[in-house]
Amino acid sequence: MTQLNFRTIFYLILPTILWAGNAVVGRLAVGEVSPLLLNTIRWLLAALILLPLGWQVFKPTARIWKYKLRFVLLGLLGMGSYNALLYLALQTSSPINLTLIGASMPIWMLVVGGIFYSQTPLKRQLLGAVISLLGVVLVLSRGDLTVLLNLELFLGDLLMVIATIFWAFYSWMLSRPGDSQELQWPWAEFLLAQVVTGFMWSLLFAVGEVVTHTIHFELSTSTVLILLFIAIGPSLIAYRCWGLGVSAVGPAIAAFFANLIPLFTALMSAAMLGEPPQLFHGLAFLLIVAGIFVSSKLSFKTT
């Protein structure tokens, strides 16, 4: 039976808050920075910030190089592709569409685990996914289900589906160390290896904007603040915490915490508009949390 403590809950909730902020500021960046360039600068800054702590990873004798392919894939799935697809999706789709699609994360996590990692989903996990998803739908519809009937599908929606599947693979890879020694690697080196490979993939993707003449960057105070925020919060802090949380409880359970992202996104958007939280926000939170407990049959400890 999986056990949660306050520390693990913190590790899994903090990233959802920061990633909600990433979606909000990412929308603000539309028109100021092209999406693939934004992703590239994000990971370049993150690598430079992390470099003083994890520079040893570049030593030829660093044991991490024994698993080059593993980190190339982690960088591709977790940093390079997922975030590039998210920023691209924000160009053509609405936040409500994207957050609804992102709320399918627990389902994709169970599917990927079942097909590729021999983890057969349990009935309670499927039930928990449905309960949690109902909470997300409540947030997105603002308590009025007729809102969902008026949704229109865009290219960005398809991109978000692909991004969500990639994130499921990334999380499962995090929970399956290359060997027992990986658990003892310095966290800064482990994360920097992912960030650097993610930056390389992002740079490769950004070449497409150069070729298509869609690349652009407008230097302003808001642009600088956006870049600093996404490089530190949703990148370094969130990814570090998510890795710790996934290692503690596994990707299938961690995925249910990701359903808090639409809730926090709605609250942040409401705060920016000067609107107080509504009753449905509280009800949605209870449904999402209920989904977490039903799916995992958790036992809770305080230490």
Foldseek 3Di string as FASTA:
>chain_A
DAEDAPLLVCLLQQLLLLVLVLLVLLLVCVPAFQLLVLLLLLLVLLLVVLCVPAVCLPDPPRPVVVPLVLLLLLLVLPRQQLSSLSSVLSNKFDPLLLLLLLLCLLVLLQVCCVPPVVDHADPLLVVLSVLLSVLLCLLSCVNPNVVVVPGDDDPSNVSSNVSSNSVSVSLQSLQPDPDPCVVVDPLSNVLSSSSVSNSVSSVVVVVVCVVVVNGHHHDDPSVVVSSVSSNPRSRPSSVSSSSVSCNRGNDSLSSLSSSCNSLSSSCVVCVVVVHHDDPSSVVSVVSSVSSSCSRRVYDYDHD
